[in-house]
Amino acid sequence: NFTVYDIGAGTGSVSIEISFQLTQGKVY
């Protein structure tokens, strides 16, 4: 359920990986 920032996200590869862990949370 975390809220996570990915600053300097580039292709979004880290955001994608994080998003799979956040079933109730959000990635920015």
mmCIF file of all heavy atoms, coordinates in Angstrom:
data_MODEL
# 
_entry.id   MODEL 
# 
loop_
_atom_site.group_PDB 
_atom_site.id 
_atom_site.type_symbol 
_atom_site.label_atom_id 
_atom_site.label_alt_id 
_atom_site.label_comp_id 
_atom_site.label_asym_id 
_atom_site.label_entity_id 
_atom_site.label_seq_id 
_atom_site.pdbx_PDB_ins_code 
_atom_site.Cartn_x 
_atom_site.Cartn_y 
_atom_site.Cartn_z 
_atom_site.occupancy 
_atom_site.B_iso_or_equiv 
_atom_site.pdbx_formal_charge 
_atom_site.auth_seq_id 
_atom_site.auth_comp_id 
_atom_site.auth_asym_id 
_atom_site.auth_atom_id 
_atom_site.pdbx_PDB_model_num 
ATOM 1   N N   . ASN A 1 1  ? 0.815  -1.233 0.000   1.00 0.00 ? 1  ASN A N   1 
ATOM 2   C CA  . ASN A 1 1  ? 0.000  0.000  0.000   1.00 0.00 ? 1  ASN A CA  1 
ATOM 3   C C   . ASN A 1 1  ? 0.842  1.274  0.000   1.00 0.00 ? 1  ASN A C   1 
ATOM 4   O O   . ASN A 1 1  ? 0.325  2.349  0.262   1.00 0.00 ? 1  ASN A O   1 
ATOM 5   C CB  . ASN A 1 1  ? -0.937 -0.003 1.206   1.00 0.00 ? 1  ASN A CB  1 
ATOM 6   C CG  . ASN A 1 1  ? -0.181 0.004  2.534   1.00 0.00 ? 1  ASN A CG  1 
ATOM 7   O OD1 . ASN A 1 1  ? 1.012  -0.297 2.587   1.00 0.00 ? 1  ASN A OD1 1 
ATOM 8   N ND2 . ASN A 1 1  ? -0.884 0.345  3.598   1.00 0.00 ? 1  ASN A ND2 1 
ATOM 9   N N   . PHE A 1 2  ? 2.114  1.162  -0.312  1.00 0.00 ? 2  PHE A N   1 
ATOM 10  C CA  . PHE A 1 2  ? 3.010  2.323  -0.256  1.00 0.00 ? 2  PHE A CA  1 
ATOM 11  C C   . PHE A 1 2  ? 2.795  3.291  -1.422  1.00 0.00 ? 2  PHE A C   1 
ATOM 12  O O   . PHE A 1 2  ? 2.332  2.914  -2.497  1.00 0.00 ? 2  PHE A O   1 
ATOM 13  C CB  . PHE A 1 2  ? 4.465  1.880  -0.264  1.00 0.00 ? 2  PHE A CB  1 
ATOM 14  C CG  . PHE A 1 2  ? 5.002  1.475  1.083   1.00 0.00 ? 2  PHE A CG  1 
ATOM 15  C CD1 . PHE A 1 2  ? 6.301  0.996  1.191   1.00 0.00 ? 2  PHE A CD1 1 
ATOM 16  C CD2 . PHE A 1 2  ? 4.249  1.560  2.243   1.00 0.00 ? 2  PHE A CD2 1 
ATOM 17  C CE1 . PHE A 1 2  ? 6.834  0.628  2.413   1.00 0.00 ? 2  PHE A CE1 1 
ATOM 18  C CE2 . PHE A 1 2  ? 4.760  1.193  3.473   1.00 0.00 ? 2  PHE A CE2 1 
ATOM 19  C CZ  . PHE A 1 2  ? 6.067  0.720  3.560   1.00 0.00 ? 2  PHE A CZ  1 
ATOM 20  N N   . THR A 1 3  ? 3.195  4.530  -1.169  1.00 0.00 ? 3  THR A N   1 
ATOM 21  C CA  . THR A 1 3  ? 3.335  5.545  -2.209  1.00 0.00 ? 3  THR A CA  1 
ATOM 22  C C   . THR A 1 3  ? 4.821  5.702  -2.461  1.00 0.00 ? 3  THR A C   1 
ATOM 23  O O   . THR A 1 3  ? 5.604  5.898  -1.525  1.00 0.00 ? 3  THR A O   1 
ATOM 24  C CB  . THR A 1 3  ? 2.737  6.889  -1.745  1.00 0.00 ? 3  THR A CB  1 
ATOM 25  O OG1 . THR A 1 3  ? 1.334  6.709  -1.527  1.00 0.00 ? 3  THR A OG1 1 
ATOM 26  C CG2 . THR A 1 3  ? 2.965  7.977  -2.775  1.00 0.00 ? 3  THR A CG2 1 
ATOM 27  N N   . VAL A 1 4  ? 5.216  5.595  -3.743  1.00 0.00 ? 4  VAL A N   1 
ATOM 28  C CA  . VAL A 1 4  ? 6.639  5.596  -4.100  1.00 0.00 ? 4  VAL A CA  1 
ATOM 29  C C   . VAL A 1 4  ? 6.885  6.600  -5.216  1.00 0.00 ? 4  VAL A C   1 
ATOM 30  O O   . VAL A 1 4  ? 6.115  6.679  -6.169  1.00 0.00 ? 4  VAL A O   1 
ATOM 31  C CB  . VAL A 1 4  ? 7.087  4.188  -4.572  1.00 0.00 ? 4  VAL A CB  1 
ATOM 32  C CG1 . VAL A 1 4  ? 8.572  4.179  -4.908  1.00 0.00 ? 4  VAL A CG1 1 
ATOM 33  C CG2 . VAL A 1 4  ? 6.761  3.133  -3.518  1.00 0.00 ? 4  VAL A CG2 1 
ATOM 34  N N   . TYR A 1 5  ? 7.973  7.372  -5.085  1.00 0.00 ? 5  TYR A N   1 
ATOM 35  C CA  . TYR A 1 5  ? 8.435  8.232  -6.174  1.00 0.00 ? 5  TYR A CA  1 
ATOM 36  C C   . TYR A 1 5  ? 9.579  7.517  -6.894  1.00 0.00 ? 5  TYR A C   1 
ATOM 37  O O   . TYR A 1 5  ? 10.464 6.948  -6.255  1.00 0.00 ? 5  TYR A O   1 
ATOM 38  C CB  . TYR A 1 5  ? 9.023  9.554  -5.681  1.00 0.00 ? 5  TYR A CB  1 
ATOM 39  C CG  . TYR A 1 5  ? 8.164  10.473 -4.872  1.00 0.00 ? 5  TYR A CG  1 
ATOM 40  C CD1 . TYR A 1 5  ? 8.771  11.568 -4.236  1.00 0.00 ? 5  TYR A CD1 1 
ATOM 41  C CD2 . TYR A 1 5  ? 6.791  10.323 -4.727  1.00 0.00 ? 5  TYR A CD2 1 
ATOM 42  C CE1 . TYR A 1 5  ? 8.033  12.457 -3.477  1.00 0.00 ? 5  TYR A CE1 1 
ATOM 43  C CE2 . TYR A 1 5  ? 6.048  11.208 -3.973  1.00 0.00 ? 5  TYR A CE2 1 
ATOM 44  C CZ  . TYR A 1 5  ? 6.673  12.273 -3.347  1.00 0.00 ? 5  TYR A CZ  1 
ATOM 45  O OH  . TYR A 1 5  ? 5.951  13.158 -2.580  1.00 0.00 ? 5  TYR A OH  1 
ATOM 46  N N   . ASP A 1 6  ? 9.582  7.612  -8.215  1.00 0.00 ? 6  ASP A N   1 
ATOM 47  C CA  . ASP A 1 6  ? 10.714 7.205  -9.045  1.00 0.00 ? 6  ASP A CA  1 
ATOM 48  C C   . ASP A 1 6  ? 11.173 8.460  -9.770  1.00 0.00 ? 6  ASP A C   1 
ATOM 49  O O   . ASP A 1 6  ? 10.568 8.865  -10.763 1.00 0.00 ? 6  ASP A O   1 
ATOM 50  C CB  . ASP A 1 6  ? 10.297 6.100  -10.018 1.00 0.00 ? 6  ASP A CB  1 
ATOM 51  C CG  . ASP A 1 6  ? 11.414 5.667  -10.964 1.00 0.00 ? 6  ASP A CG  1 
ATOM 52  O OD1 . ASP A 1 6  ? 12.547 6.186  -10.861 1.00 0.00 ? 6  ASP A OD1 1 
ATOM 53  O OD2 . ASP A 1 6  ? 11.141 4.798  -11.822 1.00 0.00 ? 6  ASP A OD2 1 
ATOM 54  N N   . ILE A 1 7  ? 12.218 9.099  -9.254  1.00 0.00 ? 7  ILE A N   1 
ATOM 55  C CA  . ILE A 1 7  ? 12.687 10.380 -9.786  1.00 0.00 ? 7  ILE A CA  1 
ATOM 56  C C   . ILE A 1 7  ? 13.773 10.118 -10.826 1.00 0.00 ? 7  ILE A C   1 
ATOM 57  O O   . ILE A 1 7  ? 14.770 9.463  -10.555 1.00 0.00 ? 7  ILE A O   1 
ATOM 58  C CB  . ILE A 1 7  ? 13.219 11.274 -8.649  1.00 0.00 ? 7  ILE A CB  1 
ATOM 59  C CG1 . ILE A 1 7  ? 12.104 11.546 -7.638  1.00 0.00 ? 7  ILE A CG1 1 
ATOM 60  C CG2 . ILE A 1 7  ? 13.792 12.572 -9.219  1.00 0.00 ? 7  ILE A CG2 1 
ATOM 61  C CD1 . ILE A 1 7  ? 12.568 12.257 -6.373  1.00 0.00 ? 7  ILE A CD1 1 
ATOM 62  N N   . GLY A 1 8  ? 13.567 10.683 -12.022 1.00 0.00 ? 8  GLY A N   1 
ATOM 63  C CA  . GLY A 1 8  ? 14.457 10.404 -13.145 1.00 0.00 ? 8  GLY A CA  1 
ATOM 64  C C   . GLY A 1 8  ? 14.150 9.017  -13.685 1.00 0.00 ? 8  GLY A C   1 
ATOM 65  O O   . GLY A 1 8  ? 15.013 8.174  -13.835 1.00 0.00 ? 8  GLY A O   1 
ATOM 66  N N   . ALA A 1 9  ? 12.883 8.791  -13.993 1.00 0.00 ? 9  ALA A N   1 
ATOM 67  C CA  . ALA A 1 9  ? 12.366 7.441  -14.272 1.00 0.00 ? 9  ALA A CA  1 
ATOM 68  C C   . ALA A 1 9  ? 12.857 6.829  -15.575 1.00 0.00 ? 9  ALA A C   1 
ATOM 69  O O   . ALA A 1 9  ? 12.740 5.620  -15.758 1.00 0.00 ? 9  ALA A O   1 
ATOM 70  C CB  . ALA A 1 9  ? 10.832 7.463  -14.242 1.00 0.00 ? 9  ALA A CB  1 
ATOM 71  N N   . GLY A 1 10 ? 13.388 7.605  -16.499 1.00 0.00 ? 10 GLY A N   1 
ATOM 72  C CA  . GLY A 1 10 ? 13.939 7.042  -17.739 1.00 0.00 ? 10 GLY A CA  1 
ATOM 73  C C   . GLY A 1 10 ? 12.902 6.280  -18.533 1.00 0.00 ? 10 GLY A C   1 
ATOM 74  O O   . GLY A 1 10 ? 11.875 6.812  -18.928 1.00 0.00 ? 10 GLY A O   1 
ATOM 75  N N   . THR A 1 11 ? 13.149 4.987  -18.745 1.00 0.00 ? 11 THR A N   1 
ATOM 76  C CA  . THR A 1 11 ? 12.215 4.139  -19.496 1.00 0.00 ? 11 THR A CA  1 
ATOM 77  C C   . THR A 1 11 ? 11.038 3.679  -18.644 1.00 0.00 ? 11 THR A C   1 
ATOM 78  O O   . THR A 1 11 ? 10.082 3.118  -19.171 1.00 0.00 ? 11 THR A O   1 
ATOM 79  C CB  . THR A 1 11 ? 12.920 2.873  -20.020 1.00 0.00 ? 11 THR A CB  1 
ATOM 80  O OG1 . THR A 1 11 ? 13.386 2.124  -18.894 1.00 0.00 ? 11 THR A OG1 1 
ATOM 81  C CG2 . THR A 1 11 ? 14.078 3.206  -20.946 1.00 0.00 ? 11 THR A CG2 1 
ATOM 82  N N   . GLY A 1 12 ? 11.158 3.855  -17.322 1.00 0.00 ? 12 GLY A N   1 
ATOM 83  C CA  . GLY A 1 12 ? 10.115 3.387  -16.414 1.00 0.00 ? 12 GLY A CA  1 
ATOM 84  C C   . GLY A 1 12 ? 10.331 1.964  -15.927 1.00 0.00 ? 12 GLY A C   1 
ATOM 85  O O   . GLY A 1 12 ? 9.460  1.393  -15.265 1.00 0.00 ? 12 GLY A O   1 
ATOM 86  N N   . SER A 1 13 ? 11.491 1.383  -16.201 1.00 0.00 ? 13 SER A N   1 
ATOM 87  C CA  . SER A 1 13 ? 11.723 -0.022 -15.814 1.00 0.00 ? 13 SER A CA  1 
ATOM 88  C C   . SER A 1 13 ? 11.633 -0.218 -14.300 1.00 0.00 ? 13 SER A C   1 
ATOM 89  O O   . SER A 1 13 ? 11.045 -1.204 -13.833 1.00 0.00 ? 13 SER A O   1 
ATOM 90  C CB  . SER A 1 13 ? 13.072 -0.525 -16.345 1.00 0.00 ? 13 SER A CB  1 
ATOM 91  O OG  . SER A 1 13 ? 14.151 0.176  -15.762 1.00 0.00 ? 13 SER A OG  1 
ATOM 92  N N   . VAL A 1 14 ? 12.180 0.726  -13.520 1.00 0.00 ? 14 VAL A N   1 
ATOM 93  C CA  . VAL A 1 14 ? 12.093 0.612  -12.059 1.00 0.00 ? 14 VAL A CA  1 
ATOM 94  C C   . VAL A 1 14 ? 10.648 0.827  -11.610 1.00 0.00 ? 14 VAL A C   1 
ATOM 95  O O   . VAL A 1 14 ? 10.144 0.091  -10.755 1.00 0.00 ? 14 VAL A O   1 
ATOM 96  C CB  . VAL A 1 14 ? 13.060 1.591  -11.361 1.00 0.00 ? 14 VAL A CB  1 
ATOM 97  C CG1 . VAL A 1 14 ? 12.865 1.579  -9.853  1.00 0.00 ? 14 VAL A CG1 1 
ATOM 98  C CG2 . VAL A 1 14 ? 14.515 1.253  -11.711 1.00 0.00 ? 14 VAL A CG2 1 
ATOM 99  N N   . SER A 1 15 ? 9.965  1.797  -12.191 1.00 0.00 ? 15 SER A N   1 
ATOM 100 C CA  . SER A 1 15 ? 8.554  2.033  -11.861 1.00 0.00 ? 15 SER A CA  1 
ATOM 101 C C   . SER A 1 15 ? 7.704  0.794  -12.122 1.00 0.00 ? 15 SER A C   1 
ATOM 102 O O   . SER A 1 15 ? 6.832  0.445  -11.325 1.00 0.00 ? 15 SER A O   1 
ATOM 103 C CB  . SER A 1 15 ? 7.991  3.202  -12.677 1.00 0.00 ? 15 SER A CB  1 
ATOM 104 O OG  . SER A 1 15 ? 8.540  4.425  -12.271 1.00 0.00 ? 15 SER A OG  1 
ATOM 105 N N   . ILE A 1 16 ? 7.952  0.135  -13.246 1.00 0.00 ? 16 ILE A N   1 
ATOM 106 C CA  . ILE A 1 16 ? 7.199  -1.075 -13.594 1.00 0.00 ? 16 ILE A CA  1 
ATOM 107 C C   . ILE A 1 16 ? 7.424  -2.153 -12.534 1.00 0.00 ? 16 ILE A C   1 
ATOM 108 O O   . ILE A 1 16 ? 6.471  -2.750 -12.017 1.00 0.00 ? 16 ILE A O   1 
ATOM 109 C CB  . ILE A 1 16 ? 7.594  -1.604 -14.991 1.00 0.00 ? 16 ILE A CB  1 
ATOM 110 C CG1 . ILE A 1 16 ? 7.257  -0.593 -16.093 1.00 0.00 ? 16 ILE A CG1 1 
ATOM 111 C CG2 . ILE A 1 16 ? 6.958  -2.970 -15.257 1.00 0.00 ? 16 ILE A CG2 1 
ATOM 112 C CD1 . ILE A 1 16 ? 5.798  -0.343 -16.343 1.00 0.00 ? 16 ILE A CD1 1 
ATOM 113 N N   . GLU A 1 17 ? 8.691  -2.397 -12.203 1.00 0.00 ? 17 GLU A N   1 
ATOM 114 C CA  . GLU A 1 17 ? 9.006  -3.423 -11.193 1.00 0.00 ? 17 GLU A CA  1 
ATOM 115 C C   . GLU A 1 17 ? 8.352  -3.074 -9.851  1.00 0.00 ? 17 GLU A C   1 
ATOM 116 O O   . GLU A 1 17 ? 7.775  -3.939 -9.192  1.00 0.00 ? 17 GLU A O   1 
ATOM 117 C CB  . GLU A 1 17 ? 10.519 -3.554 -11.014 1.00 0.00 ? 17 GLU A CB  1 
ATOM 118 C CG  . GLU A 1 17 ? 11.240 -4.070 -12.244 1.00 0.00 ? 17 GLU A CG  1 
ATOM 119 C CD  . GLU A 1 17 ? 11.527 -5.555 -12.222 1.00 0.00 ? 17 GLU A CD  1 
ATOM 120 O OE1 . GLU A 1 17 ? 10.880 -6.300 -11.455 1.00 0.00 ? 17 GLU A OE1 1 
ATOM 121 O OE2 . GLU A 1 17 ? 12.415 -5.977 -12.983 1.00 0.00 ? 17 GLU A OE2 1 
ATOM 122 N N   . ILE A 1 18 ? 8.435  -1.820 -9.446  1.00 0.00 ? 18 ILE A N   1 
ATOM 123 C CA  . ILE A 1 18 ? 7.826  -1.389 -8.180  1.00 0.00 ? 18 ILE A CA  1 
ATOM 124 C C   . ILE A 1 18 ? 6.316  -1.592 -8.222  1.00 0.00 ? 18 ILE A C   1 
ATOM 125 O O   . ILE A 1 18 ? 5.710  -2.080 -7.267  1.00 0.00 ? 18 ILE A O   1 
ATOM 126 C CB  . ILE A 1 18 ? 8.171  0.079  -7.874  1.00 0.00 ? 18 ILE A CB  1 
ATOM 127 C CG1 . ILE A 1 18 ? 9.661  0.222  -7.523  1.00 0.00 ? 18 ILE A CG1 1 
ATOM 128 C CG2 . ILE A 1 18 ? 7.302  0.627  -6.740  1.00 0.00 ? 18 ILE A CG2 1 
ATOM 129 C CD1 . ILE A 1 18 ? 10.140 1.668  -7.438  1.00 0.00 ? 18 ILE A CD1 1 
ATOM 130 N N   . SER A 1 19 ? 5.699  -1.227 -9.333  1.00 0.00 ? 19 SER A N   1 
ATOM 131 C CA  . SER A 1 19 ? 4.234  -1.273 -9.431  1.00 0.00 ? 19 SER A CA  1 
ATOM 132 C C   . SER A 1 19 ? 3.676  -2.670 -9.223  1.00 0.00 ? 19 SER A C   1 
ATOM 133 O O   . SER A 1 19 ? 2.567  -2.825 -8.721  1.00 0.00 ? 19 SER A O   1 
ATOM 134 C CB  . SER A 1 19 ? 3.769  -0.704 -10.772 1.00 0.00 ? 19 SER A CB  1 
ATOM 135 O OG  . SER A 1 19 ? 4.053  -1.607 -11.832 1.00 0.00 ? 19 SER A OG  1 
ATOM 136 N N   . PHE A 1 20 ? 4.428  -3.693 -9.593  1.00 0.00 ? 20 PHE A N   1 
ATOM 137 C CA  . PHE A 1 20 ? 3.973  -5.062 -9.376  1.00 0.00 ? 20 PHE A CA  1 
ATOM 138 C C   . PHE A 1 20 ? 3.920  -5.406 -7.891  1.00 0.00 ? 20 PHE A C   1 
ATOM 139 O O   . PHE A 1 20 ? 3.180  -6.299 -7.487  1.00 0.00 ? 20 PHE A O   1 
ATOM 140 C CB  . PHE A 1 20 ? 4.864  -6.067 -10.110 1.00 0.00 ? 20 PHE A CB  1 
ATOM 141 C CG  . PHE A 1 20 ? 4.476  -6.281 -11.542 1.00 0.00 ? 20 PHE A CG  1 
ATOM 142 C CD1 . PHE A 1 20 ? 5.181  -5.646 -12.565 1.00 0.00 ? 20 PHE A CD1 1 
ATOM 143 C CD2 . PHE A 1 20 ? 3.420  -7.103 -11.880 1.00 0.00 ? 20 PHE A CD2 1 
ATOM 144 C CE1 . PHE A 1 20 ? 4.830  -5.839 -13.886 1.00 0.00 ? 20 PHE A CE1 1 
ATOM 145 C CE2 . PHE A 1 20 ? 3.060  -7.304 -13.208 1.00 0.00 ? 20 PHE A CE2 1 
ATOM 146 C CZ  . PHE A 1 20 ? 3.768  -6.662 -14.220 1.00 0.00 ? 20 PHE A CZ  1 
ATOM 147 N N   . GLN A 1 21 ? 4.696  -4.699 -7.080  1.00 0.00 ? 21 GLN A N   1 
ATOM 148 C CA  . GLN A 1 21 ? 4.718  -4.954 -5.638  1.00 0.00 ? 21 GLN A CA  1 
ATOM 149 C C   . GLN A 1 21 ? 3.607  -4.183 -4.908  1.00 0.00 ? 21 GLN A C   1 
ATOM 150 O O   . GLN A 1 21 ? 3.308  -4.477 -3.761  1.00 0.00 ? 21 GLN A O   1 
ATOM 151 C CB  . GLN A 1 21 ? 6.066  -4.533 -5.045  1.00 0.00 ? 21 GLN A CB  1 
ATOM 152 C CG  . GLN A 1 21 ? 7.274  -5.145 -5.732  1.00 0.00 ? 21 GLN A CG  1 
ATOM 153 C CD  . GLN A 1 21 ? 7.322  -6.647 -5.626  1.00 0.00 ? 21 GLN A CD  1 
ATOM 154 O OE1 . GLN A 1 21 ? 7.115  -7.190 -4.546  1.00 0.00 ? 21 GLN A OE1 1 
ATOM 155 N NE2 . GLN A 1 21 ? 7.571  -7.325 -6.727  1.00 0.00 ? 21 GLN A NE2 1 
ATOM 156 N N   . LEU A 1 22 ? 3.041  -3.182 -5.566  1.00 0.00 ? 22 LEU A N   1 
ATOM 157 C CA  . LEU A 1 22 ? 2.067  -2.296 -4.921  1.00 0.00 ? 22 LEU A CA  1 
ATOM 158 C C   . LEU A 1 22 ? 0.651  -2.609 -5.387  1.00 0.00 ? 22 LEU A C   1 
ATOM 159 O O   . LEU A 1 22 ? 0.100  -1.917 -6.239  1.00 0.00 ? 22 LEU A O   1 
ATOM 160 C CB  . LEU A 1 22 ? 2.396  -0.830 -5.236  1.00 0.00 ? 22 LEU A CB  1 
ATOM 161 C CG  . LEU A 1 22 ? 3.808  -0.348 -4.910  1.00 0.00 ? 22 LEU A CG  1 
ATOM 162 C CD1 . LEU A 1 22 ? 3.965  1.116  -5.291  1.00 0.00 ? 22 LEU A CD1 1 
ATOM 163 C CD2 . LEU A 1 22 ? 4.141  -0.561 -3.444  1.00 0.00 ? 22 LEU A CD2 1 
ATOM 164 N N   . THR A 1 23 ? 0.051  -3.597 -4.793  1.00 0.00 ? 23 THR A N   1 
ATOM 165 C CA  . THR A 1 23 ? -1.306 -3.964 -5.200  1.00 0.00 ? 23 THR A CA  1 
ATOM 166 C C   . THR A 1 23 ? -2.328 -2.904 -4.797  1.00 0.00 ? 23 THR A C   1 
ATOM 167 O O   . THR A 1 23 ? -3.379 -2.781 -5.416  1.00 0.00 ? 23 THR A O   1 
ATOM 168 C CB  . THR A 1 23 ? -1.717 -5.318 -4.591  1.00 0.00 ? 23 THR A CB  1 
ATOM 169 O OG1 . THR A 1 23 ? -1.576 -5.245 -3.169  1.00 0.00 ? 23 THR A OG1 1 
ATOM 170 C CG2 . THR A 1 23 ? -0.859 -6.440 -5.142  1.00 0.00 ? 23 THR A CG2 1 
ATOM 171 N N   . GLN A 1 24 ? -2.025 -2.126 -3.756  1.00 0.00 ? 24 GLN A N   1 
ATOM 172 C CA  . GLN A 1 24 ? -2.926 -1.054 -3.321  1.00 0.00 ? 24 GLN A CA  1 
ATOM 173 C C   . GLN A 1 24 ? -2.252 0.318  -3.333  1.00 0.00 ? 24 GLN A C   1 
ATOM 174 O O   . GLN A 1 24 ? -2.868 1.305  -2.959  1.00 0.00 ? 24 GLN A O   1 
ATOM 175 C CB  . GLN A 1 24 ? -3.435 -1.352 -1.912  1.00 0.00 ? 24 GLN A CB  1 
ATOM 176 C CG  . GLN A 1 24 ? -4.194 -2.646 -1.796  1.00 0.00 ? 24 GLN A CG  1 
ATOM 177 C CD  . GLN A 1 24 ? -4.404 -3.046 -0.349  1.00 0.00 ? 24 GLN A CD  1 
ATOM 178 O OE1 . GLN A 1 24 ? -4.318 -2.219 0.551   1.00 0.00 ? 24 GLN A OE1 1 
ATOM 179 N NE2 . GLN A 1 24 ? -4.672 -4.308 -0.113  1.00 0.00 ? 24 GLN A NE2 1 
ATOM 180 N N   . GLY A 1 25 ? -1.002 0.381  -3.712  1.00 0.00 ? 25 GLY A N   1 
ATOM 181 C CA  . GLY A 1 25 ? -0.250 1.630  -3.674  1.00 0.00 ? 25 GLY A CA  1 
ATOM 182 C C   . GLY A 1 25 ? -0.092 2.268  -5.038  1.00 0.00 ? 25 GLY A C   1 
ATOM 183 O O   . GLY A 1 25 ? -0.669 1.802  -6.030  1.00 0.00 ? 25 GLY A O   1 
ATOM 184 N N   . LYS A 1 26 ? 0.689  3.350  -5.069  1.00 0.00 ? 26 LYS A N   1 
ATOM 185 C CA  . LYS A 1 26 ? 0.901  4.097  -6.315  1.00 0.00 ? 26 LYS A CA  1 
ATOM 186 C C   . LYS A 1 26 ? 2.374  4.422  -6.493  1.00 0.00 ? 26 LYS A C   1 
ATOM 187 O O   . LYS A 1 26 ? 3.103  4.652  -5.532  1.00 0.00 ? 26 LYS A O   1 
ATOM 188 C CB  . LYS A 1 26 ? 0.131  5.415  -6.282  1.00 0.00 ? 26 LYS A CB  1 
ATOM 189 C CG  . LYS A 1 26 ? -1.358 5.257  -6.328  1.00 0.00 ? 26 LYS A CG  1 
ATOM 190 C CD  . LYS A 1 26 ? -1.936 6.215  -7.351  1.00 0.00 ? 26 LYS A CD  1 
ATOM 191 C CE  . LYS A 1 26 ? -3.433 6.106  -7.418  1.00 0.00 ? 26 LYS A CE  1 
ATOM 192 N NZ  . LYS A 1 26 ? -3.899 5.151  -8.373  1.00 0.00 ? 26 LYS A NZ  1 
ATOM 193 N N   . VAL A 1 27 ? 2.787  4.461  -7.757  1.00 0.00 ? 27 VAL A N   1 
ATOM 194 C CA  . VAL A 1 27 ? 4.122  4.906  -8.134  1.00 0.00 ? 27 VAL A CA  1 
ATOM 195 C C   . VAL A 1 27 ? 3.965  6.206  -8.911  1.00 0.00 ? 27 VAL A C   1 
ATOM 196 O O   . VAL A 1 27 ? 3.120  6.304  -9.803  1.00 0.00 ? 27 VAL A O   1 
ATOM 197 C CB  . VAL A 1 27 ? 4.840  3.887  -9.046  1.00 0.00 ? 27 VAL A CB  1 
ATOM 198 C CG1 . VAL A 1 27 ? 6.254  4.362  -9.370  1.00 0.00 ? 27 VAL A CG1 1 
ATOM 199 C CG2 . VAL A 1 27 ? 4.869  2.516  -8.435  1.00 0.00 ? 27 VAL A CG2 1 
ATOM 200 N N   . TYR A 1 28 ? 4.786  7.182  -8.569  1.00 0.00 ? 28 TYR A N   1 
ATOM 201 C CA  . TYR A 1 28 ? 4.844  8.435  -9.320  1.00 0.00 ? 28 TYR A CA  1 
ATOM 202 C C   . TYR A 1 28 ? 6.168  8.455  -10.066 1.00 0.00 ? 28 TYR A C   1 
ATOM 203 O O   . TYR A 1 28 ? 7.230  8.579  -9.457  1.00 0.00 ? 28 TYR A O   1 
ATOM 204 C CB  . TYR A 1 28 ? 4.711  9.642  -8.391  1.00 0.00 ? 28 TYR A CB  1 
ATOM 205 C CG  . TYR A 1 28 ? 3.332  9.746  -7.792  1.00 0.00 ? 28 TYR A CG  1 
ATOM 206 C CD1 . TYR A 1 28 ? 3.013  9.084  -6.612  1.00 0.00 ? 28 TYR A CD1 1 
ATOM 207 C CD2 . TYR A 1 28 ? 2.328  10.469 -8.445  1.00 0.00 ? 28 TYR A CD2 1 
ATOM 208 C CE1 . TYR A 1 28 ? 1.735  9.147  -6.074  1.00 0.00 ? 28 TYR A CE1 1 
ATOM 209 C CE2 . TYR A 1 28 ? 1.041  10.531 -7.911  1.00 0.00 ? 28 TYR A CE2 1 
ATOM 210 C CZ  . TYR A 1 28 ? 0.764  9.865  -6.725  1.00 0.00 ? 28 TYR A CZ  1 
ATOM 211 O OH  . TYR A 1 28 ? -0.508 9.931  -6.202  1.00 0.00 ? 28 TYR A OH  1 
# 
